[in-house]
Every structure is written in structure tokens, then in C-alpha cells.
Amino acid sequence: MAIAIALPAALLAACCFAVAAVLQQAAAETMPEKESLRPGLIWALAHRPLWLAGIALSAVSFVVQGAALAFGPLVLVLPLASTDLLFALPLIAWRRRRHLTRWDVTGAMCTASGVAAFLAVLPYSAVEGRPGVGDWLPLLALVAACVAVLVPAGLRTSGRIRAGVYASAAGLLFALLDALTKTAAGLFRDRGMAALGHWEPYALLLVGGAGLLLAQSSFQAGSLAISLPLIDIIEPIGAVLIGAAVLQERLATSGYLAVQILGAILAVTGIVILDRSPLVRA
């Protein structure tokens, strides 16, 4: 029953985020470059109905993904949630009034097949233990250090490079956010409002706010062809590694692990193909 809830919820979260990203990027790309990484960027965008609609859908996506994580492990939910580019692609085609090409279909099939292969051999993980603060500290320090390097690097560049650097930092924060969401969702499921007595919900808000600002700055700096594929690669891979290292979730072993690795490579290849699509780059 838990997996029956987690699977459709993860796919619904991916669909909602895809629509939200297209709406947010359409609004953010009209903002001047000088607003990048400034809180004023969020304030200015908050006056755009299109962006507000995207944020509302992002909130829905986050809640639905939280429900999926309350019932399923990170290593199951995040590969499915990362298929948002498959949902975004036809929306981009409709917005640009273009048709899907053969390469678009090939990339989509590679991504879908890779995710399916990864999940097909995934052992069920019933680990529900809550990591202690000591388990989280090395991860928090590592992510903070990476973001502290990437953000100044983005400030020294512009255009596509800046969009890519900010998207990479956002992907790392979103991977951490997913792990915190998994833990916080479990706390709320088991303890109700008493979960507010733990640190995870507040860390979730802080990490989520920083990730949101970096994602919007990436959308403002360049096309979704740059930002969304990077986020879709870094976030699920990071979340799966965190799930295995910090939350003690299980990956496949022996020969099945090779299937998972090949599936992950195939999914990333599909995302790269979609990234190079003339439709997306337009």
C-alpha cells in the first residue's frame, strides 16, 4: 500500500513541477540581470501573476512529493520525481509553437527507460530510523561548502554559464531539501504537530528558501534548456546518495547494481539529448 501511494504521488509531483518551472521561467527571463541573487528579484516576481501561478504549482508539487516521501524511500521517489523534463517538453513545444523532433522523442524514451530500469531492480527499503544530528552534520557542511564556491563563481560570469552554475547549486540544495523533507514528513506522519519541536522542519524552510532563490536566479539568467536538465541530474543523484549514506536506504547489490548504474547512465543520456534539442534551446 505504501508503494502504491508513493509511485503516483511522485509522478504527479513531477508533472506539477514541470508546469511550474515553465511558468516561472517565462516570468523570470523578463527580469534584468542586475536583479540576480537579490531578494528583490523574488519581490519583483511576486507582482507577476504568471510567476505566482508557477509558485502555487511548485507548492503543490512540494506537498505531493512530501506525501510520496512519507510513504516511500528517497531512492524510489526522486528518480520518478526527476522526470519533470518529460512533462515540460510538450509544454515548451506548445509555448514555442513547435513540433517534437525525433531527437526529442529519443531523449524522452532514454530517460523514461533509464528510470524504469533503475527502479525495476530496486529492493524495497523499509528503514524508518531517524538520523541524528551527528549523521547530518558532514552532509550539511559539504553542501554548504559547495554552494559557497558555486555562488561567487556565478557572480563572476553571466548568461548561460551563470545559469548553469546557479542551477548546479540549486540542484545540490534541492537534493538536501528532499532528504530533509523525507525526515520531516515522517515526523509529521508519526507525531503530528509535535514534529515542530524538532530542527528538521526549520532547516527545511531555510534550505528551501535558498534553493528557490538560486533556481529563480538561474531561470532569470538563461533558458530552461540549461537550468532544468542540470537540476534534473544533480537533484536525484544527490538525493539517492544521501538516502543511501545518511538514511540507510538500500540500493541493489551484485549484478543488479550494474543494471541500476546503466539505467542511471541511460536516464542522464536522455536528459543530455533533450538539453541539446533545438526545441528546448529555442
C-alpha atoms as a PDB file:
ATOM      1  CA  MET A   1       0.000   0.000   0.000  1.00  0.00           C
ATOM      2  CA  ALA A   2       2.851   2.424   0.824  1.00  0.00           C
ATOM      3  CA  ILE A   3       4.469   1.958  -2.599  1.00  0.00           C
ATOM      4  CA  ALA A   4       1.040   2.247  -4.284  1.00  0.00           C
ATOM      5  CA  ILE A   5       0.765   5.742  -2.773  1.00  0.00           C
ATOM      6  CA  ALA A   6       4.386   6.801  -3.336  1.00  0.00           C
ATOM      7  CA  LEU A   7       4.564   5.946  -7.062  1.00  0.00           C
ATOM      8  CA  PRO A   8       1.638   8.018  -8.422  1.00  0.00           C
ATOM      9  CA  ALA A   9       2.380  10.839  -5.966  1.00  0.00           C
ATOM     10  CA  ALA A  10       5.974  11.098  -7.237  1.00  0.00           C
ATOM     11  CA  LEU A  11       4.797  11.237 -10.872  1.00  0.00           C
ATOM     12  CA  LEU A  12       2.143  13.841 -10.033  1.00  0.00           C
ATOM     13  CA  ALA A  13       4.810  15.932  -8.278  1.00  0.00           C
ATOM     14  CA  ALA A  14       6.985  15.754 -11.416  1.00  0.00           C
ATOM     15  CA  CYS A  15       4.088  16.919 -13.595  1.00  0.00           C
ATOM     16  CA  CYS A  16       3.248  19.834 -11.298  1.00  0.00           C
ATOM     17  CA  PHE A  17       6.877  20.936 -11.086  1.00  0.00           C
ATOM     18  CA  ALA A  18       7.248  20.826 -14.876  1.00  0.00           C
ATOM     19  CA  VAL A  19       4.326  23.201 -15.384  1.00  0.00           C
ATOM     20  CA  ALA A  20       5.568  25.376 -12.518  1.00  0.00           C
ATOM     21  CA  ALA A  21       9.089  25.630 -13.977  1.00  0.00           C
ATOM     22  CA  VAL A  22       7.795  26.668 -17.406  1.00  0.00           C
ATOM     23  CA  LEU A  23       5.617  29.383 -15.837  1.00  0.00           C
ATOM     24  CA  GLN A  24       8.364  30.639 -13.518  1.00  0.00           C
ATOM     25  CA  GLN A  25      10.985  30.762 -16.252  1.00  0.00           C
ATOM     26  CA  ALA A  26       8.626  32.629 -18.583  1.00  0.00           C
ATOM     27  CA  ALA A  27       8.278  35.332 -15.928  1.00  0.00           C
ATOM     28  CA  ALA A  28      11.869  35.305 -14.634  1.00  0.00           C
ATOM     29  CA  GLU A  29      13.511  35.661 -18.058  1.00  0.00           C
ATOM     30  CA  THR A  30      11.962  39.133 -18.391  1.00  0.00           C
ATOM     31  CA  MET A  31      13.783  40.448 -15.315  1.00  0.00           C
ATOM     32  CA  PRO A  32      17.006  42.500 -15.656  1.00  0.00           C
ATOM     33  CA  GLU A  33      20.295  40.697 -14.994  1.00  0.00           C
ATOM     34  CA  LYS A  34      21.220  43.048 -12.146  1.00  0.00           C
ATOM     35  CA  GLU A  35      18.425  41.535 -10.026  1.00  0.00           C
ATOM     36  CA  SER A  36      20.097  38.111  -9.987  1.00  0.00           C
ATOM     37  CA  LEU A  37      20.503  36.605  -6.487  1.00  0.00           C
ATOM     38  CA  ARG A  38      18.889  39.626  -4.835  1.00  0.00           C
ATOM     39  CA  PRO A  39      15.845  39.198  -2.573  1.00  0.00           C
ATOM     40  CA  GLY A  40      14.336  41.990  -4.675  1.00  0.00           C
ATOM     41  CA  LEU A  41      14.108  39.504  -7.545  1.00  0.00           C
ATOM     42  CA  ILE A  42      11.560  37.458  -5.595  1.00  0.00           C
ATOM     43  CA  TRP A  43       9.700  40.636  -4.603  1.00  0.00           C
ATOM     44  CA  ALA A  44       9.528  41.846  -8.210  1.00  0.00           C
ATOM     45  CA  LEU A  45       8.426  38.444  -9.482  1.00  0.00           C
ATOM     46  CA  ALA A  46       5.755  38.286  -6.789  1.00  0.00           C
ATOM     47  CA  HIS A  47       3.921  41.032  -8.716  1.00  0.00           C
ATOM     48  CA  ARG A  48       3.724  38.837 -11.831  1.00  0.00           C
ATOM     49  CA  PRO A  49       0.564  36.661 -11.960  1.00  0.00           C
ATOM     50  CA  LEU A  50       2.335  34.136 -14.195  1.00  0.00           C
ATOM     51  CA  TRP A  51       5.109  33.659 -11.653  1.00  0.00           C
ATOM     52  CA  LEU A  52       2.653  33.418  -8.774  1.00  0.00           C
ATOM     53  CA  ALA A  53       0.807  30.649 -10.624  1.00  0.00           C
ATOM     54  CA  GLY A  54       4.117  28.833 -11.024  1.00  0.00           C
ATOM     55  CA  ILE A  55       4.926  29.222  -7.329  1.00  0.00           C
ATOM     56  CA  ALA A  56       1.482  27.913  -6.377  1.00  0.00           C
ATOM     57  CA  LEU A  57       2.084  24.826  -8.510  1.00  0.00           C
ATOM     58  CA  SER A  58       5.572  24.451  -7.011  1.00  0.00           C
ATOM     59  CA  ALA A  59       3.968  24.426  -3.570  1.00  0.00           C
ATOM     60  CA  VAL A  60       1.510  21.763  -4.710  1.00  0.00           C
ATOM     61  CA  SER A  61       4.419  19.766  -6.155  1.00  0.00           C
ATOM     62  CA  PHE A  62       6.331  20.037  -2.876  1.00  0.00           C
ATOM     63  CA  VAL A  63       3.354  18.876  -0.800  1.00  0.00           C
ATOM     64  CA  VAL A  64       2.646  15.961  -3.142  1.00  0.00           C
ATOM     65  CA  GLN A  65       6.312  14.950  -3.156  1.00  0.00           C
ATOM     66  CA  GLY A  66       6.336  15.185   0.628  1.00  0.00           C
ATOM     67  CA  ALA A  67       3.397  12.762   0.710  1.00  0.00           C
ATOM     68  CA  ALA A  68       5.307  10.415  -1.610  1.00  0.00           C
ATOM     69  CA  LEU A  69       8.372  10.597   0.657  1.00  0.00           C
ATOM     70  CA  ALA A  70       6.235   9.913   3.729  1.00  0.00           C
ATOM     71  CA  PHE A  71       5.390   6.510   2.243  1.00  0.00           C
ATOM     72  CA  GLY A  72       8.360   5.711   0.000  1.00  0.00           C
ATOM     73  CA  PRO A  73      12.177   5.932   0.198  1.00  0.00           C
ATOM     74  CA  LEU A  74      14.238   8.654  -1.468  1.00  0.00           C
ATOM     75  CA  VAL A  75      15.818   6.108  -3.818  1.00  0.00           C
ATOM     76  CA  LEU A  76      12.344   5.349  -5.210  1.00  0.00           C
ATOM     77  CA  VAL A  77      10.631   8.750  -5.182  1.00  0.00           C
ATOM     78  CA  LEU A  78      13.379  11.018  -6.527  1.00  0.00           C
ATOM     79  CA  PRO A  79      14.125   9.162  -9.796  1.00  0.00           C
ATOM     80  CA  LEU A  80      10.397   9.382 -10.591  1.00  0.00           C
ATOM     81  CA  ALA A  81      10.098  12.998  -9.480  1.00  0.00           C
ATOM     82  CA  SER A  82      13.073  13.908 -11.709  1.00  0.00           C
ATOM     83  CA  THR A  83      11.106  13.014 -14.856  1.00  0.00           C
ATOM     84  CA  ASP A  84       9.616  16.516 -14.853  1.00  0.00           C
ATOM     85  CA  LEU A  85      11.506  17.337 -18.060  1.00  0.00           C
ATOM     86  CA  LEU A  86       9.390  14.728 -19.850  1.00  0.00           C
ATOM     87  CA  PHE A  87       6.284  16.653 -18.831  1.00  0.00           C
ATOM     88  CA  ALA A  88       7.873  20.048 -19.529  1.00  0.00           C
ATOM     89  CA  LEU A  89       8.912  19.146 -23.084  1.00  0.00           C
ATOM     90  CA  PRO A  90       5.426  19.145 -24.685  1.00  0.00           C
ATOM     91  CA  LEU A  91       4.614  22.327 -22.765  1.00  0.00           C
ATOM     92  CA  ILE A  92       7.690  24.029 -24.218  1.00  0.00           C
ATOM     93  CA  ALA A  93       6.692  22.776 -27.678  1.00  0.00           C
ATOM     94  CA  TRP A  94       3.215  24.237 -27.242  1.00  0.00           C
ATOM     95  CA  ARG A  95       4.580  27.540 -25.935  1.00  0.00           C
ATOM     96  CA  ARG A  96       7.073  27.859 -28.809  1.00  0.00           C
ATOM     97  CA  ARG A  97       4.540  26.572 -31.363  1.00  0.00           C
ATOM     98  CA  ARG A  98       6.965  23.908 -32.487  1.00  0.00           C
ATOM     99  CA  HIS A  99       6.720  20.142 -33.029  1.00  0.00           C
ATOM    100  CA  LEU A 100       8.585  17.426 -31.174  1.00  0.00           C
ATOM    101  CA  THR A 101      11.512  16.128 -33.209  1.00  0.00           C
ATOM    102  CA  ARG A 102      12.842  12.593 -33.489  1.00  0.00           C
ATOM    103  CA  TRP A 103      15.645  13.519 -31.107  1.00  0.00           C
ATOM    104  CA  ASP A 104      13.122  14.829 -28.585  1.00  0.00           C
ATOM    105  CA  VAL A 105      11.285  11.513 -28.634  1.00  0.00           C
ATOM    106  CA  THR A 106      14.573   9.586 -28.430  1.00  0.00           C
ATOM    107  CA  GLY A 107      15.739  11.580 -25.425  1.00  0.00           C
ATOM    108  CA  ALA A 108      12.401  11.147 -23.686  1.00  0.00           C
ATOM    109  CA  MET A 109      12.456   7.388 -24.294  1.00  0.00           C
ATOM    110  CA  CYS A 110      16.019   7.095 -22.978  1.00  0.00           C
ATOM    111  CA  THR A 111      15.126   8.987 -19.812  1.00  0.00           C
ATOM    112  CA  ALA A 112      11.955   7.001 -19.186  1.00  0.00           C
ATOM    113  CA  SER A 113      13.673   3.665 -19.920  1.00  0.00           C
ATOM    114  CA  GLY A 114      16.636   4.502 -17.703  1.00  0.00           C
ATOM    115  CA  VAL A 115      14.435   5.432 -14.749  1.00  0.00           C
ATOM    116  CA  ALA A 116      12.358   2.279 -15.287  1.00  0.00           C
ATOM    117  CA  ALA A 117      15.488   0.103 -15.346  1.00  0.00           C
ATOM    118  CA  PHE A 118      16.830   1.766 -12.194  1.00  0.00           C
ATOM    119  CA  LEU A 119      13.584   1.156 -10.301  1.00  0.00           C
ATOM    120  CA  ALA A 120      12.919  -2.343 -11.660  1.00  0.00           C
ATOM    121  CA  VAL A 121      15.735  -3.877  -9.604  1.00  0.00           C
ATOM    122  CA  LEU A 122      15.412  -1.574  -6.590  1.00  0.00           C
ATOM    123  CA  PRO A 123      14.957  -3.604  -3.385  1.00  0.00           C
ATOM    124  CA  TYR A 124      12.174  -2.443  -1.097  1.00  0.00           C
ATOM    125  CA  SER A 125      13.606  -0.355   1.737  1.00  0.00           C
ATOM    126  CA  ALA A 126      11.603  -0.311   4.956  1.00  0.00           C
ATOM    127  CA  VAL A 127      14.184   1.600   7.025  1.00  0.00           C
ATOM    128  CA  GLU A 128      12.361   4.244   9.062  1.00  0.00           C
ATOM    129  CA  GLY A 129      15.069   5.257  11.537  1.00  0.00           C
ATOM    130  CA  ARG A 130      15.623   8.979  12.030  1.00  0.00           C
ATOM    131  CA  PRO A 131      19.260  10.081  11.619  1.00  0.00           C
ATOM    132  CA  GLY A 132      20.791  12.016  14.484  1.00  0.00           C
ATOM    133  CA  VAL A 133      22.327  15.479  14.197  1.00  0.00           C
ATOM    134  CA  GLY A 134      25.788  13.920  14.022  1.00  0.00           C
ATOM    135  CA  ASP A 135      24.739  11.993  10.915  1.00  0.00           C
ATOM    136  CA  TRP A 136      23.567  15.193   9.229  1.00  0.00           C
ATOM    137  CA  LEU A 137      26.494  17.496  10.070  1.00  0.00           C
ATOM    138  CA  PRO A 138      29.033  16.186   7.479  1.00  0.00           C
ATOM    139  CA  LEU A 139      26.397  16.397   4.751  1.00  0.00           C
ATOM    140  CA  LEU A 140      25.307  19.910   5.757  1.00  0.00           C
ATOM    141  CA  ALA A 141      28.931  21.068   5.789  1.00  0.00           C
ATOM    142  CA  LEU A 142      29.642  19.546   2.374  1.00  0.00           C
ATOM    143  CA  VAL A 143      26.590  21.103   0.703  1.00  0.00           C
ATOM    144  CA  ALA A 144      27.265  24.484   2.322  1.00  0.00           C
ATOM    145  CA  ALA A 145      30.883  24.401   1.095  1.00  0.00           C
ATOM    146  CA  CYS A 146      29.845  23.550  -2.477  1.00  0.00           C
ATOM    147  CA  VAL A 147      27.248  26.326  -2.568  1.00  0.00           C
ATOM    148  CA  ALA A 148      29.767  28.778  -1.071  1.00  0.00           C
ATOM    149  CA  VAL A 149      32.078  28.038  -4.019  1.00  0.00           C
ATOM    150  CA  LEU A 150      29.437  27.992  -6.760  1.00  0.00           C
ATOM    151  CA  VAL A 151      27.597  31.210  -5.896  1.00  0.00           C
ATOM    152  CA  PRO A 152      30.659  33.526  -6.104  1.00  0.00           C
ATOM    153  CA  ALA A 153      31.661  31.737  -9.318  1.00  0.00           C
ATOM    154  CA  GLY A 154      28.243  32.537 -10.772  1.00  0.00           C
ATOM    155  CA  LEU A 155      28.555  36.188  -9.777  1.00  0.00           C
ATOM    156  CA  ARG A 156      31.760  36.452 -11.852  1.00  0.00           C
ATOM    157  CA  THR A 157      30.042  35.140 -15.006  1.00  0.00           C
ATOM    158  CA  SER A 158      26.887  35.858 -16.990  1.00  0.00           C
ATOM    159  CA  GLY A 159      24.397  34.291 -19.392  1.00  0.00           C
ATOM    160  CA  ARG A 160      24.452  30.522 -19.931  1.00  0.00           C
ATOM    161  CA  ILE A 161      27.395  29.897 -17.590  1.00  0.00           C
ATOM    162  CA  ARG A 162      25.767  31.789 -14.743  1.00  0.00           C
ATOM    163  CA  ALA A 163      22.500  29.920 -15.309  1.00  0.00           C
ATOM    164  CA  GLY A 164      24.351  26.605 -15.191  1.00  0.00           C
ATOM    165  CA  VAL A 165      26.330  27.440 -12.044  1.00  0.00           C
ATOM    166  CA  TYR A 166      23.252  28.638 -10.162  1.00  0.00           C
ATOM    167  CA  ALA A 167      21.269  25.600 -11.345  1.00  0.00           C
ATOM    168  CA  SER A 168      24.024  23.295 -10.055  1.00  0.00           C
ATOM    169  CA  ALA A 169      23.915  24.956  -6.643  1.00  0.00           C
ATOM    170  CA  ALA A 170      20.117  24.795  -6.647  1.00  0.00           C
ATOM    171  CA  GLY A 171      20.254  21.091  -7.527  1.00  0.00           C
ATOM    172  CA  LEU A 172      22.509  20.388  -4.530  1.00  0.00           C
ATOM    173  CA  LEU A 173      20.198  22.299  -2.196  1.00  0.00           C
ATOM    174  CA  PHE A 174      17.156  20.543  -3.613  1.00  0.00           C
ATOM    175  CA  ALA A 175      18.801  17.151  -3.003  1.00  0.00           C
ATOM    176  CA  LEU A 176      19.368  18.156   0.624  1.00  0.00           C
ATOM    177  CA  LEU A 177      15.826  19.531   0.758  1.00  0.00           C
ATOM    178  CA  ASP A 178      14.460  16.181  -0.428  1.00  0.00           C
ATOM    179  CA  ALA A 179      16.272  14.349   2.368  1.00  0.00           C
ATOM    180  CA  LEU A 180      15.029  16.843   4.961  1.00  0.00           C
ATOM    181  CA  THR A 181      11.511  16.553   3.529  1.00  0.00           C
ATOM    182  CA  LYS A 182      11.686  12.780   3.875  1.00  0.00           C
ATOM    183  CA  THR A 183      12.625  13.073   7.547  1.00  0.00           C
ATOM    184  CA  ALA A 184      10.162  15.893   8.306  1.00  0.00           C
ATOM    185  CA  ALA A 185       7.311  14.090   6.532  1.00  0.00           C
ATOM    186  CA  GLY A 186       7.964  11.014   8.639  1.00  0.00           C
ATOM    187  CA  LEU A 187       7.926  13.130  11.804  1.00  0.00           C
ATOM    188  CA  PHE A 188       4.604  14.771  10.920  1.00  0.00           C
ATOM    189  CA  ARG A 189       3.132  11.407   9.932  1.00  0.00           C
ATOM    190  CA  ASP A 190       4.107   9.779  13.231  1.00  0.00           C
ATOM    191  CA  ARG A 191       3.961  12.672  15.713  1.00  0.00           C
ATOM    192  CA  GLY A 192       1.645  15.263  14.195  1.00  0.00           C
ATOM    193  CA  MET A 193       2.296  18.860  15.266  1.00  0.00           C
ATOM    194  CA  ALA A 194       4.824  17.645  17.829  1.00  0.00           C
ATOM    195  CA  ALA A 195       7.208  17.440  14.856  1.00  0.00           C
ATOM    196  CA  LEU A 196       7.609  21.223  15.207  1.00  0.00           C
ATOM    197  CA  GLY A 197       9.708  20.519  18.283  1.00  0.00           C
ATOM    198  CA  HIS A 198      12.456  19.100  16.047  1.00  0.00           C
ATOM    199  CA  TRP A 199      15.007  21.009  13.959  1.00  0.00           C
ATOM    200  CA  GLU A 200      14.279  19.397  10.589  1.00  0.00           C
ATOM    201  CA  PRO A 201      11.150  21.437   9.646  1.00  0.00           C
ATOM    202  CA  TYR A 202      13.027  24.716  10.229  1.00  0.00           C
ATOM    203  CA  ALA A 203      16.099  23.575   8.318  1.00  0.00           C
ATOM    204  CA  LEU A 204      13.731  22.578   5.543  1.00  0.00           C
ATOM    205  CA  LEU A 205      12.408  26.154   5.302  1.00  0.00           C
ATOM    206  CA  LEU A 206      15.922  27.639   5.253  1.00  0.00           C
ATOM    207  CA  VAL A 207      17.270  25.246   2.614  1.00  0.00           C
ATOM    208  CA  GLY A 208      14.090  25.552   0.553  1.00  0.00           C
ATOM    209  CA  GLY A 209      14.286  29.362   0.557  1.00  0.00           C
ATOM    210  CA  ALA A 210      17.920  29.343  -0.554  1.00  0.00           C
ATOM    211  CA  GLY A 211      17.184  26.772  -3.260  1.00  0.00           C
ATOM    212  CA  LEU A 212      14.233  28.830  -4.500  1.00  0.00           C
ATOM    213  CA  LEU A 213      16.338  31.997  -4.809  1.00  0.00           C
ATOM    214  CA  LEU A 214      19.094  30.149  -6.703  1.00  0.00           C
ATOM    215  CA  ALA A 215      16.601  28.433  -9.012  1.00  0.00           C
ATOM    216  CA  GLN A 216      14.861  31.719  -9.852  1.00  0.00           C
ATOM    217  CA  SER A 217      18.246  33.372 -10.452  1.00  0.00           C
ATOM    218  CA  SER A 218      19.125  30.518 -12.816  1.00  0.00           C
ATOM    219  CA  PHE A 219      15.799  30.903 -14.663  1.00  0.00           C
ATOM    220  CA  GLN A 220      16.456  34.638 -14.910  1.00  0.00           C
ATOM    221  CA  ALA A 221      19.980  34.162 -16.276  1.00  0.00           C
ATOM    222  CA  GLY A 222      19.171  31.729 -19.092  1.00  0.00           C
ATOM    223  CA  SER A 223      16.906  29.211 -20.758  1.00  0.00           C
ATOM    224  CA  LEU A 224      15.308  26.173 -19.125  1.00  0.00           C
ATOM    225  CA  ALA A 225      17.480  24.198 -21.564  1.00  0.00           C
ATOM    226  CA  ILE A 226      20.366  24.985 -19.213  1.00  0.00           C
ATOM    227  CA  SER A 227      18.844  25.046 -15.747  1.00  0.00           C
ATOM    228  CA  LEU A 228      16.222  22.292 -15.754  1.00  0.00           C
ATOM    229  CA  PRO A 229      18.449  19.454 -17.085  1.00  0.00           C
ATOM    230  CA  LEU A 230      21.171  20.276 -14.544  1.00  0.00           C
ATOM    231  CA  ILE A 231      18.683  20.293 -11.689  1.00  0.00           C
ATOM    232  CA  ASP A 232      17.133  17.076 -13.004  1.00  0.00           C
ATOM    233  CA  ILE A 233      20.534  15.354 -12.991  1.00  0.00           C
ATOM    234  CA  ILE A 234      22.061  16.705  -9.783  1.00  0.00           C
ATOM    235  CA  GLU A 235      18.981  16.588  -7.539  1.00  0.00           C
ATOM    236  CA  PRO A 236      18.007  12.900  -7.943  1.00  0.00           C
ATOM    237  CA  ILE A 237      21.601  11.619  -7.955  1.00  0.00           C
ATOM    238  CA  GLY A 238      22.377  13.658  -4.848  1.00  0.00           C
ATOM    239  CA  ALA A 239      19.167  12.582  -3.132  1.00  0.00           C
ATOM    240  CA  VAL A 240      19.766   8.902  -3.891  1.00  0.00           C
ATOM    241  CA  LEU A 241      23.314   9.135  -2.484  1.00  0.00           C
ATOM    242  CA  ILE A 242      22.034  10.922   0.620  1.00  0.00           C
ATOM    243  CA  GLY A 243      19.321   8.311   1.029  1.00  0.00           C
ATOM    244  CA  ALA A 244      21.887   5.521   0.949  1.00  0.00           C
ATOM    245  CA  ALA A 245      24.549   7.262   3.064  1.00  0.00           C
ATOM    246  CA  VAL A 246      22.509   9.140   5.681  1.00  0.00           C
ATOM    247  CA  LEU A 247      19.077   7.487   5.750  1.00  0.00           C
ATOM    248  CA  GLN A 248      20.462   3.957   5.302  1.00  0.00           C
ATOM    249  CA  GLU A 249      18.195   3.195   2.326  1.00  0.00           C
ATOM    250  CA  ARG A 250      19.115   0.204   0.190  1.00  0.00           C
ATOM    251  CA  LEU A 251      20.345   0.140  -3.388  1.00  0.00           C
ATOM    252  CA  ALA A 252      20.618  -3.010  -5.479  1.00  0.00           C
ATOM    253  CA  THR A 253      23.532  -5.348  -4.864  1.00  0.00           C
ATOM    254  CA  SER A 254      25.697  -7.631  -7.001  1.00  0.00           C
ATOM    255  CA  GLY A 255      24.695  -7.826 -10.689  1.00  0.00           C
ATOM    256  CA  TYR A 256      21.552  -5.794 -10.136  1.00  0.00           C
ATOM    257  CA  LEU A 257      23.670  -2.800  -9.114  1.00  0.00           C
ATOM    258  CA  ALA A 258      25.164  -2.802 -12.625  1.00  0.00           C
ATOM    259  CA  VAL A 259      21.612  -2.607 -14.004  1.00  0.00           C
ATOM    260  CA  GLN A 260      20.905   0.403 -11.803  1.00  0.00           C
ATOM    261  CA  ILE A 261      24.119   2.132 -12.881  1.00  0.00           C
ATOM    262  CA  LEU A 262      23.343   1.507 -16.564  1.00  0.00           C
ATOM    263  CA  GLY A 263      19.795   2.737 -16.009  1.00  0.00           C
ATOM    264  CA  ALA A 264      21.083   5.924 -14.397  1.00  0.00           C
ATOM    265  CA  ILE A 265      23.531   6.474 -17.291  1.00  0.00           C
ATOM    266  CA  LEU A 266      20.730   5.928 -19.815  1.00  0.00           C
ATOM    267  CA  ALA A 267      18.462   8.398 -17.989  1.00  0.00           C
ATOM    268  CA  VAL A 268      21.227  11.047 -17.855  1.00  0.00           C
ATOM    269  CA  THR A 269      21.952  10.442 -21.558  1.00  0.00           C
ATOM    270  CA  GLY A 270      18.294  11.087 -22.315  1.00  0.00           C
ATOM    271  CA  ILE A 271      18.379  14.339 -20.354  1.00  0.00           C
ATOM    272  CA  VAL A 272      21.519  15.443 -22.238  1.00  0.00           C
ATOM    273  CA  ILE A 273      19.823  14.649 -25.573  1.00  0.00           C
ATOM    274  CA  LEU A 274      16.796  16.692 -24.544  1.00  0.00           C
ATOM    275  CA  ASP A 275      19.089  19.504 -23.426  1.00  0.00           C
ATOM    276  CA  ARG A 276      20.609  19.659 -26.926  1.00  0.00           C
ATOM    277  CA  SER A 277      17.213  19.627 -28.618  1.00  0.00           C
ATOM    278  CA  PRO A 278      16.647  22.694 -30.857  1.00  0.00           C
ATOM    279  CA  LEU A 279      13.136  22.877 -29.399  1.00  0.00           C
ATOM    280  CA  VAL A 280      14.406  23.213 -25.842  1.00  0.00           C
ATOM    281  CA  ARG A 281      17.286  25.529 -26.725  1.00  0.00           C
ATOM    282  CA  ALA A 282      14.897  27.828 -28.574  1.00  0.00           C
END
